[in-house]
Amino acid sequence: MNKLVIFLLAAIGLVGCKGKVDDKVEEPSLITWSECGYEIGDHICNLTLKDQLGNDFDLYENVGRPIILDYSTMWCGYCGLAAQEVDDVSEKYREYDLLYVTLLIENQYGDPASESDCKLWADNFAIENNPVLAASRDLIGTPGYNDGMPITSWPTFVFLREDLSIYSIRSGFSSQSIDNETYNLVTENEEPSN
């Protein structure tokens, strides 16, 4: 009997115990492109900036969602008008999982926006459900050179498809124009009803 116990213990020792098998299968990345740019049809280049709560916001982590990028400054009156509608726009298109991101380029003094500037902007305009990012003119490029977003006026809106390709770019603010362009973006691939 002792020999049988020793044999079984030895056999178990040779086979060993397996740890928990990792059932996780790494999902393939949805970022399938290697080049990026700032022209219509390009996949926009990634950016990682601090939001009004001090959290890092990584644009590419939001692949799969339609996105509005609102390039604004604190000294721009029309930027403030647009800011009043941020949460309303995202709420209206909630069924499409729309994300509205404000990139605050400058504070009221023309300096690069800080996290505290973003917090003030979000508080002043009751932006509770969407990120306001501390940005700077480093994000702006020269029109025609594809070296950054070609901003020619404030605010400028960049509409991104779910695959983060640029659907359209609109300069200036009109509530109706933003609504129309957002509708066109989120319904681009819907089948027309007969």
Foldseek 3Di string as FASTA:
>chain_A
DVVVVVVVVVVCVVVDDDDDDDPDDDDDQLQPDDDAFADFQGQHDWDWFAWLVRDIDIVSVQQQAKEKEKEAEQQDPQSLVVLLCQVVLCVVVVVRVYAYEYEHAYYNVRHFFDSPSNNVSCVVNVPDPHTYGGHHCCQDDDPPPRNHHPDDAPTKMWIAASSRGTNDIDHTDDPVVVNVVVVCRSCVPPDDDD
